[in-house]
Each structure stands twice: as structure tokens, then as C-alpha cells.
Amino acid sequence: MLNELIVPASALDVVKQYDGSPDQLGYFLKNQVWDTDLLPQVAILGVPEGRGSRCRQVAEGSDAIRYHLYSLTAFPPEIKIVDLGNIKCGYDLKDTYAALKMVAEELSSLSIRLLILGGSQELAVPLIRGFNRKEFNLLIVDDRIDNTVNE
């Protein structure tokens, strides 16, 4: 099911153009594949969606973050991590929410932690619904505090 909802990392321009050294996280990630016999502890997923935000540039955030993430060094190889790629945004924003929820459900059922790159804070709702657990950890890193009231 994940294949239908995700553009693989290997198909993303930012990943294709990455040409780093073997000591960088990106080198490691480019050589990782999804292995059902050896599931990762962490899966990276970009969300190039900006329709739910007043700042449409958030749609470019996933690949901008990925560009810098790939250049990190001194990453411990014993952590099993895979870059799944970017979620396919739906025709409507609700379609993207549904796809994100389904991916979160699938990975949660496999006990795989999910690192989301990009998107805006309203994406937390479908993610939380997808975790399908009473207890979970959620960390949101943002460059500003939302201080607007829903209209």
C-alpha cells in the first residue's frame, strides 16, 4: 500500500542530485532499501503540502530540509533508518490528509517511528489519528508559534 501513496526518495530531484561523501547521512540513506525482513526503526517521509497553511512555501520544505539532512555527518550506522520519499499530495487537501493517515497507520502497526519533513501544523491531526495508539510521542519543530484563531 505504501507504494501507491509515496513518491520514492530515489525519484526525488534533491536525492538524485545528492553527491556526498560516505561519512554523510545522505550517502547511507541513498543506499538503504525497504526490507520487510529487517524493518527500520525510523522512516523519513516528506510532505510537500502547503494548501492548509497561509504560507504556501511550506510545500517546498520537505526537500529543503532533506537537502540539509543528507549532509549531516557522524550518524551512528546502528540506527536503522530509511528515507521513504514524499507523500503523494491528493487532488484535494483532504486526500492528502487521508494518505498521511494511512501511511502513519501502516508504520505505526509495524512499530516504526516516523520523521515527517515539511508540511504545516494542521497535518498533526491526521498523523495522530493514524498512530492508532493511546500513547505516543509527537514533536513539532517550527520557526514560529501559530497564534491565529481558526476562522
N, C-alpha and C. Protein backbone atom coordinates (compact mmCIF):
# COMPACT_ATOMS: atom_id res chain seq x y z
N MET A 1 0.81 -1.19 0.00
CA MET A 1 0.00 0.00 0.00
C MET A 1 0.86 1.26 0.00
N LEU A 2 1.97 1.25 0.71
CA LEU A 2 2.82 2.43 0.79
C LEU A 2 3.27 2.90 -0.59
N ASN A 3 3.53 1.97 -1.49
CA ASN A 3 4.00 2.33 -2.83
C ASN A 3 3.02 3.24 -3.56
N GLU A 4 1.74 3.05 -3.32
CA GLU A 4 0.71 3.84 -4.00
C GLU A 4 0.59 5.26 -3.45
N LEU A 5 1.07 5.47 -2.24
CA LEU A 5 0.89 6.75 -1.55
C LEU A 5 2.14 7.61 -1.51
N ILE A 6 3.27 7.06 -1.96
CA ILE A 6 4.55 7.74 -1.77
C ILE A 6 5.34 7.80 -3.08
N VAL A 7 5.96 8.95 -3.31
CA VAL A 7 6.95 9.09 -4.39
C VAL A 7 8.28 8.67 -3.76
N PRO A 8 8.92 7.60 -4.23
CA PRO A 8 10.14 7.11 -3.58
C PRO A 8 11.25 8.16 -3.54
N ALA A 9 12.06 8.11 -2.50
CA ALA A 9 13.16 9.06 -2.35
C ALA A 9 14.07 9.04 -3.58
N SER A 10 14.29 7.87 -4.14
CA SER A 10 15.19 7.76 -5.30
C SER A 10 14.67 8.52 -6.51
N ALA A 11 13.37 8.86 -6.54
CA ALA A 11 12.79 9.60 -7.66
C ALA A 11 12.79 11.12 -7.44
N LEU A 12 13.17 11.56 -6.25
CA LEU A 12 13.17 12.99 -5.93
C LEU A 12 14.43 13.66 -6.46
N ASP A 13 14.28 14.83 -7.05
CA ASP A 13 15.43 15.56 -7.61
C ASP A 13 16.49 15.83 -6.55
N VAL A 14 16.08 16.20 -5.34
CA VAL A 14 17.06 16.52 -4.29
C VAL A 14 17.92 15.30 -3.95
N VAL A 15 17.35 14.13 -4.02
CA VAL A 15 18.10 12.90 -3.73
C VAL A 15 18.95 12.51 -4.94
N LYS A 16 18.39 12.64 -6.14
CA LYS A 16 19.16 12.33 -7.35
C LYS A 16 20.40 13.20 -7.45
N GLN A 17 20.29 14.47 -7.06
CA GLN A 17 21.40 15.41 -7.18
C GLN A 17 22.39 15.32 -6.03
N TYR A 18 22.03 14.59 -4.98
CA TYR A 18 22.94 14.47 -3.83
C TYR A 18 24.19 13.70 -4.26
N ASP A 19 25.33 14.27 -3.96
CA ASP A 19 26.60 13.65 -4.32
C ASP A 19 27.58 13.84 -3.16
N GLY A 20 27.23 13.29 -2.02
CA GLY A 20 28.03 13.49 -0.82
C GLY A 20 29.03 12.38 -0.59
N SER A 21 29.70 12.49 0.52
CA SER A 21 30.75 11.53 0.87
C SER A 21 30.20 10.41 1.75
N PRO A 22 30.93 9.30 1.86
CA PRO A 22 30.46 8.15 2.62
C PRO A 22 30.24 8.41 4.11
N ASP A 23 30.76 9.51 4.64
CA ASP A 23 30.55 9.80 6.06
C ASP A 23 29.28 10.63 6.30
N GLN A 24 28.51 10.89 5.26
CA GLN A 24 27.30 11.68 5.40
C GLN A 24 26.06 10.78 5.44
N LEU A 25 25.05 11.26 6.15
CA LEU A 25 23.80 10.52 6.28
C LEU A 25 23.17 10.25 4.91
N GLY A 26 23.24 11.20 4.01
CA GLY A 26 22.65 11.03 2.69
C GLY A 26 23.23 9.86 1.93
N TYR A 27 24.52 9.64 2.05
CA TYR A 27 25.17 8.51 1.39
C TYR A 27 24.57 7.20 1.91
N PHE A 28 24.41 7.15 3.22
CA PHE A 28 23.82 5.98 3.87
C PHE A 28 22.37 5.79 3.40
N LEU A 29 21.58 6.89 3.41
CA LEU A 29 20.17 6.80 3.05
C LEU A 29 19.97 6.40 1.60
N LYS A 30 20.81 6.89 0.71
CA LYS A 30 20.66 6.55 -0.71
C LYS A 30 20.90 5.06 -0.97
N ASN A 31 21.61 4.42 -0.07
CA ASN A 31 21.92 3.00 -0.24
C ASN A 31 21.00 2.09 0.57
N GLN A 32 20.03 2.67 1.26
CA GLN A 32 19.09 1.87 2.04
C GLN A 32 17.88 1.52 1.20
N VAL A 33 17.35 0.34 1.41
CA VAL A 33 16.12 -0.08 0.75
C VAL A 33 15.17 -0.64 1.79
N TRP A 34 13.90 -0.60 1.49
CA TRP A 34 12.89 -1.15 2.38
C TRP A 34 13.01 -2.66 2.35
N ASP A 35 13.29 -3.25 3.48
CA ASP A 35 13.46 -4.69 3.59
C ASP A 35 12.46 -5.21 4.62
N THR A 36 11.48 -5.99 4.18
CA THR A 36 10.45 -6.48 5.09
C THR A 36 11.00 -7.44 6.14
N ASP A 37 12.19 -8.00 5.89
CA ASP A 37 12.81 -8.89 6.87
C ASP A 37 13.62 -8.12 7.91
N LEU A 38 13.99 -6.88 7.60
CA LEU A 38 14.78 -6.06 8.52
C LEU A 38 14.21 -4.64 8.49
N LEU A 39 13.09 -4.47 9.19
CA LEU A 39 12.39 -3.19 9.17
C LEU A 39 13.21 -2.11 9.87
N PRO A 40 13.09 -0.86 9.41
CA PRO A 40 13.83 0.23 10.05
C PRO A 40 13.21 0.62 11.38
N GLN A 41 13.99 1.31 12.19
CA GLN A 41 13.46 1.88 13.43
C GLN A 41 12.77 3.22 13.13
N VAL A 42 13.29 3.92 12.12
CA VAL A 42 12.79 5.25 11.77
C VAL A 42 12.59 5.32 10.26
N ALA A 43 11.49 5.92 9.85
CA ALA A 43 11.23 6.16 8.43
C ALA A 43 11.05 7.66 8.23
N ILE A 44 11.74 8.20 7.24
CA ILE A 44 11.62 9.61 6.89
C ILE A 44 10.57 9.73 5.79
N LEU A 45 9.68 10.72 5.95
CA LEU A 45 8.63 10.95 4.96
C LEU A 45 8.46 12.45 4.77
N GLY A 46 8.60 12.91 3.54
CA GLY A 46 8.36 14.31 3.23
C GLY A 46 6.90 14.54 2.91
N VAL A 47 6.42 15.73 3.27
CA VAL A 47 5.04 16.11 2.96
C VAL A 47 5.08 17.46 2.24
N PRO A 48 5.13 17.44 0.92
CA PRO A 48 5.20 18.69 0.15
C PRO A 48 3.82 19.33 -0.05
N GLU A 49 3.18 19.64 1.04
CA GLU A 49 1.81 20.15 1.02
C GLU A 49 1.76 21.52 1.69
N GLY A 50 1.12 22.48 1.04
CA GLY A 50 1.02 23.81 1.59
C GLY A 50 -0.38 24.39 1.57
N ARG A 51 -1.35 23.62 1.09
CA ARG A 51 -2.70 24.17 0.95
C ARG A 51 -3.39 24.44 2.27
N GLY A 52 -2.93 23.83 3.36
CA GLY A 52 -3.57 24.05 4.66
C GLY A 52 -2.91 25.16 5.45
N SER A 53 -1.98 25.85 4.84
CA SER A 53 -1.23 26.89 5.52
C SER A 53 -1.38 28.22 4.80
N ARG A 54 -1.24 29.28 5.54
CA ARG A 54 -1.23 30.60 4.90
C ARG A 54 0.09 30.84 4.18
N CYS A 55 1.09 30.06 4.51
CA CYS A 55 2.41 30.17 3.89
C CYS A 55 2.58 29.02 2.91
N ARG A 56 2.28 29.25 1.65
CA ARG A 56 2.31 28.19 0.64
C ARG A 56 3.71 27.62 0.42
N GLN A 57 4.76 28.34 0.82
CA GLN A 57 6.12 27.86 0.62
C GLN A 57 6.43 26.62 1.45
N VAL A 58 5.59 26.29 2.44
CA VAL A 58 5.84 25.08 3.22
C VAL A 58 5.83 23.84 2.34
N ALA A 59 5.22 23.94 1.17
CA ALA A 59 5.20 22.80 0.25
C ALA A 59 6.61 22.46 -0.24
N GLU A 60 7.51 23.41 -0.21
CA GLU A 60 8.89 23.19 -0.64
C GLU A 60 9.79 22.74 0.52
N GLY A 61 9.24 22.75 1.73
CA GLY A 61 10.02 22.48 2.92
C GLY A 61 10.62 21.09 3.00
N SER A 62 9.88 20.07 2.56
CA SER A 62 10.39 18.70 2.73
C SER A 62 11.70 18.49 2.00
N ASP A 63 11.81 18.97 0.77
CA ASP A 63 13.06 18.77 0.03
C ASP A 63 14.16 19.71 0.51
N ALA A 64 13.79 20.90 0.98
CA ALA A 64 14.79 21.83 1.54
C ALA A 64 15.40 21.24 2.81
N ILE A 65 14.56 20.65 3.66
CA ILE A 65 15.05 20.01 4.88
C ILE A 65 15.90 18.79 4.52
N ARG A 66 15.41 18.00 3.58
CA ARG A 66 16.12 16.79 3.17
C ARG A 66 17.52 17.14 2.64
N TYR A 67 17.63 18.22 1.90
CA TYR A 67 18.92 18.66 1.37
C TYR A 67 19.94 18.83 2.50
N HIS A 68 19.53 19.46 3.58
CA HIS A 68 20.44 19.69 4.71
C HIS A 68 20.61 18.44 5.56
N LEU A 69 19.55 17.67 5.71
CA LEU A 69 19.62 16.43 6.48
C LEU A 69 20.63 15.46 5.88
N TYR A 70 20.63 15.37 4.57
CA TYR A 70 21.54 14.45 3.90
C TYR A 70 23.01 14.81 4.11
N SER A 71 23.31 16.05 4.43
CA SER A 71 24.70 16.46 4.61
C SER A 71 25.22 16.24 6.03
N LEU A 72 24.37 15.78 6.94
CA LEU A 72 24.82 15.52 8.31
C LEU A 72 25.88 14.42 8.34
N THR A 73 26.83 14.57 9.24
CA THR A 73 27.89 13.57 9.39
C THR A 73 27.84 12.97 10.79
N ALA A 74 28.66 11.97 10.99
CA ALA A 74 28.80 11.29 12.28
C ALA A 74 27.48 10.69 12.75
N PHE A 75 26.73 10.13 11.83
CA PHE A 75 25.46 9.49 12.15
C PHE A 75 25.73 8.03 12.51
N PRO A 76 25.24 7.55 13.64
CA PRO A 76 25.52 6.17 14.04
C PRO A 76 24.84 5.15 13.12
N PRO A 77 25.60 4.31 12.45
CA PRO A 77 25.02 3.35 11.49
C PRO A 77 24.16 2.27 12.13
N GLU A 78 24.26 2.10 13.45
CA GLU A 78 23.44 1.06 14.08
C GLU A 78 21.96 1.45 14.16
N ILE A 79 21.65 2.73 13.94
CA ILE A 79 20.26 3.14 13.87
C ILE A 79 19.74 2.81 12.47
N LYS A 80 18.73 2.02 12.42
CA LYS A 80 18.15 1.60 11.14
C LYS A 80 17.14 2.66 10.69
N ILE A 81 17.49 3.38 9.64
CA ILE A 81 16.67 4.47 9.14
C ILE A 81 16.57 4.38 7.63
N VAL A 82 15.40 4.71 7.11
CA VAL A 82 15.18 4.66 5.67
C VAL A 82 14.41 5.92 5.26
N ASP A 83 14.74 6.44 4.09
CA ASP A 83 14.03 7.59 3.54
C ASP A 83 12.99 7.04 2.56
N LEU A 84 11.72 7.13 2.93
CA LEU A 84 10.66 6.61 2.07
C LEU A 84 10.41 7.49 0.86
N GLY A 85 10.64 8.80 1.00
CA GLY A 85 10.37 9.74 -0.07
C GLY A 85 9.33 10.74 0.38
N ASN A 86 8.49 11.19 -0.56
CA ASN A 86 7.45 12.18 -0.27
C ASN A 86 6.07 11.59 -0.48
N ILE A 87 5.16 11.97 0.39
CA ILE A 87 3.77 11.56 0.22
C ILE A 87 3.24 12.17 -1.08
N LYS A 88 2.40 11.44 -1.78
CA LYS A 88 1.75 11.99 -2.97
C LYS A 88 0.59 12.85 -2.50
N CYS A 89 0.64 14.12 -2.81
CA CYS A 89 -0.45 15.01 -2.42
C CYS A 89 -1.67 14.72 -3.27
N GLY A 90 -2.82 14.73 -2.63
CA GLY A 90 -4.06 14.41 -3.31
C GLY A 90 -4.63 15.58 -4.09
N TYR A 91 -5.67 15.29 -4.82
CA TYR A 91 -6.36 16.31 -5.60
C TYR A 91 -6.91 17.39 -4.65
N ASP A 92 -7.51 16.96 -3.57
CA ASP A 92 -7.98 17.85 -2.51
C ASP A 92 -7.09 17.69 -1.30
N LEU A 93 -7.07 18.71 -0.46
CA LEU A 93 -6.27 18.65 0.76
C LEU A 93 -6.69 17.47 1.64
N LYS A 94 -7.98 17.18 1.67
CA LYS A 94 -8.47 16.04 2.46
C LYS A 94 -7.89 14.72 1.96
N ASP A 95 -7.60 14.62 0.68
CA ASP A 95 -6.99 13.41 0.12
C ASP A 95 -5.57 13.24 0.68
N THR A 96 -4.85 14.35 0.79
CA THR A 96 -3.50 14.29 1.36
C THR A 96 -3.57 13.88 2.83
N TYR A 97 -4.53 14.44 3.56
CA TYR A 97 -4.72 14.05 4.96
C TYR A 97 -4.97 12.54 5.07
N ALA A 98 -5.83 12.02 4.19
CA ALA A 98 -6.16 10.59 4.23
C ALA A 98 -4.93 9.75 3.92
N ALA A 99 -4.14 10.15 2.95
CA ALA A 99 -2.93 9.40 2.60
C ALA A 99 -1.94 9.42 3.76
N LEU A 100 -1.77 10.57 4.38
CA LEU A 100 -0.85 10.68 5.51
C LEU A 100 -1.32 9.81 6.67
N LYS A 101 -2.61 9.81 6.93
CA LYS A 101 -3.16 8.96 7.99
C LYS A 101 -2.90 7.49 7.69
N MET A 102 -3.09 7.07 6.44
CA MET A 102 -2.88 5.66 6.08
C MET A 102 -1.41 5.26 6.24
N VAL A 103 -0.50 6.14 5.84
CA VAL A 103 0.93 5.83 5.98
C VAL A 103 1.28 5.75 7.46
N ALA A 104 0.77 6.69 8.27
CA ALA A 104 1.03 6.66 9.71
C ALA A 104 0.48 5.38 10.34
N GLU A 105 -0.71 4.96 9.92
CA GLU A 105 -1.30 3.72 10.43
C GLU A 105 -0.40 2.52 10.12
N GLU A 106 0.04 2.44 8.87
CA GLU A 106 0.86 1.31 8.43
C GLU A 106 2.18 1.25 9.21
N LEU A 107 2.86 2.38 9.31
CA LEU A 107 4.14 2.39 10.00
C LEU A 107 3.96 2.18 11.51
N SER A 108 2.91 2.75 12.07
CA SER A 108 2.63 2.57 13.49
C SER A 108 2.37 1.09 13.81
N SER A 109 1.65 0.41 12.93
CA SER A 109 1.37 -1.01 13.16
C SER A 109 2.65 -1.86 13.12
N LEU A 110 3.68 -1.33 12.46
CA LEU A 110 4.97 -2.03 12.38
C LEU A 110 5.96 -1.52 13.44
N SER A 111 5.49 -0.63 14.32
CA SER A 111 6.32 -0.01 15.37
C SER A 111 7.50 0.77 14.80
N ILE A 112 7.29 1.43 13.69
CA ILE A 112 8.33 2.24 13.06
C ILE A 112 8.04 3.71 13.38
N ARG A 113 9.04 4.39 13.91
CA ARG A 113 8.90 5.82 14.19
C ARG A 113 8.90 6.58 12.87
N LEU A 114 8.16 7.66 12.84
CA LEU A 114 8.01 8.44 11.62
C LEU A 114 8.57 9.84 11.81
N LEU A 115 9.47 10.22 10.94
CA LEU A 115 10.03 11.57 10.93
C LEU A 115 9.47 12.27 9.70
N ILE A 116 8.60 13.25 9.95
CA ILE A 116 7.95 13.98 8.87
C ILE A 116 8.77 15.23 8.56
N LEU A 117 9.02 15.45 7.28
CA LEU A 117 9.71 16.65 6.82
C LEU A 117 8.72 17.52 6.06
N GLY A 118 8.58 18.77 6.47
CA GLY A 118 7.74 19.71 5.75
C GLY A 118 6.30 19.69 6.18
N GLY A 119 5.48 20.32 5.37
CA GLY A 119 4.07 20.45 5.69
C GLY A 119 3.85 21.52 6.74
N SER A 120 2.63 21.63 7.21
CA SER A 120 2.31 22.61 8.24
C SER A 120 1.64 21.89 9.41
N GLN A 121 1.40 22.63 10.47
CA GLN A 121 0.98 22.01 11.72
C GLN A 121 -0.37 21.30 11.66
N GLU A 122 -1.24 21.69 10.74
CA GLU A 122 -2.54 21.02 10.70
C GLU A 122 -2.41 19.56 10.29
N LEU A 123 -1.25 19.18 9.77
CA LEU A 123 -1.01 17.78 9.42
C LEU A 123 -0.89 16.89 10.65
N ALA A 124 -0.72 17.51 11.81
CA ALA A 124 -0.62 16.73 13.05
C ALA A 124 -1.90 15.94 13.31
N VAL A 125 -3.04 16.46 12.91
CA VAL A 125 -4.31 15.78 13.17
C VAL A 125 -4.39 14.43 12.46
N PRO A 126 -4.18 14.36 11.13
CA PRO A 126 -4.23 13.03 10.50
C PRO A 126 -3.10 12.11 10.99
N LEU A 127 -1.96 12.69 11.35
CA LEU A 127 -0.89 11.85 11.89
C LEU A 127 -1.31 11.20 13.20
N ILE A 128 -1.88 11.99 14.09
CA ILE A 128 -2.31 11.47 15.39
C ILE A 128 -3.37 10.40 15.19
N ARG A 129 -4.29 10.63 14.29
CA ARG A 129 -5.33 9.63 14.02
C ARG A 129 -4.73 8.35 13.44
N GLY A 130 -3.65 8.50 12.68
CA GLY A 130 -3.00 7.34 12.09
C GLY A 130 -2.17 6.53 13.07
N PHE A 131 -1.72 7.15 14.15
CA PHE A 131 -0.90 6.42 15.11
C PHE A 131 -1.68 5.30 15.76
N ASN A 132 -2.99 5.50 15.93
CA ASN A 132 -3.87 4.44 16.41
C ASN A 132 -3.39 3.84 17.73
N ARG A 133 -2.91 4.70 18.62
CA ARG A 133 -2.44 4.27 19.93
C ARG A 133 -2.93 5.25 20.98
N LYS A 134 -3.06 4.77 22.21
CA LYS A 134 -3.45 5.68 23.28
C LYS A 134 -2.29 6.58 23.67
N GLU A 135 -1.08 6.05 23.60
CA GLU A 135 0.09 6.84 23.98
C GLU A 135 1.09 6.85 22.82
N PHE A 136 1.62 8.03 22.56
CA PHE A 136 2.64 8.19 21.52
C PHE A 136 3.38 9.49 21.79
N ASN A 137 4.49 9.66 21.11
CA ASN A 137 5.27 10.88 21.22
C ASN A 137 5.14 11.65 19.92
N LEU A 138 4.96 12.95 20.06
CA LEU A 138 4.86 13.83 18.90
C LEU A 138 5.66 15.09 19.20
N LEU A 139 6.57 15.42 18.32
CA LEU A 139 7.38 16.63 18.46
C LEU A 139 7.23 17.43 17.18
N ILE A 140 6.87 18.69 17.33
CA ILE A 140 6.74 19.58 16.18
C ILE A 140 7.80 20.66 16.31
N VAL A 141 8.59 20.80 15.26
CA VAL A 141 9.60 21.86 15.21
C VAL A 141 9.14 22.85 14.15
N ASP A 142 9.02 24.11 14.54
CA ASP A 142 8.50 25.13 13.65
C ASP A 142 9.28 26.41 13.88
N ASP A 143 9.32 27.26 12.88
CA ASP A 143 10.06 28.51 13.02
C ASP A 143 9.22 29.62 13.63
N ARG A 144 7.94 29.35 13.88
CA ARG A 144 7.09 30.37 14.52
C ARG A 144 5.94 29.68 15.25
N ILE A 145 5.44 30.39 16.24
CA ILE A 145 4.31 29.89 17.00
C ILE A 145 3.03 30.34 16.31
N ASP A 146 2.14 29.39 16.09
CA ASP A 146 0.85 29.76 15.49
C ASP A 146 0.03 30.52 16.54
N ASN A 147 -0.42 31.70 16.16
CA ASN A 147 -1.20 32.49 17.10
C ASN A 147 -2.48 33.02 16.46
N THR A 148 -2.96 32.31 15.48
CA THR A 148 -4.21 32.73 14.85
C THR A 148 -5.34 31.83 15.31
N VAL A 149 -6.51 32.37 15.30
CA VAL A 149 -7.71 31.62 15.69
C VAL A 149 -8.32 31.04 14.42
N ASN A 150 -8.76 29.79 14.51
CA ASN A 150 -9.43 29.18 13.35
C ASN A 150 -10.67 29.97 13.02
N GLU A 151 -10.85 30.22 11.75
CA GLU A 151 -11.97 31.04 11.30
C GLU A 151 -13.09 30.18 10.78
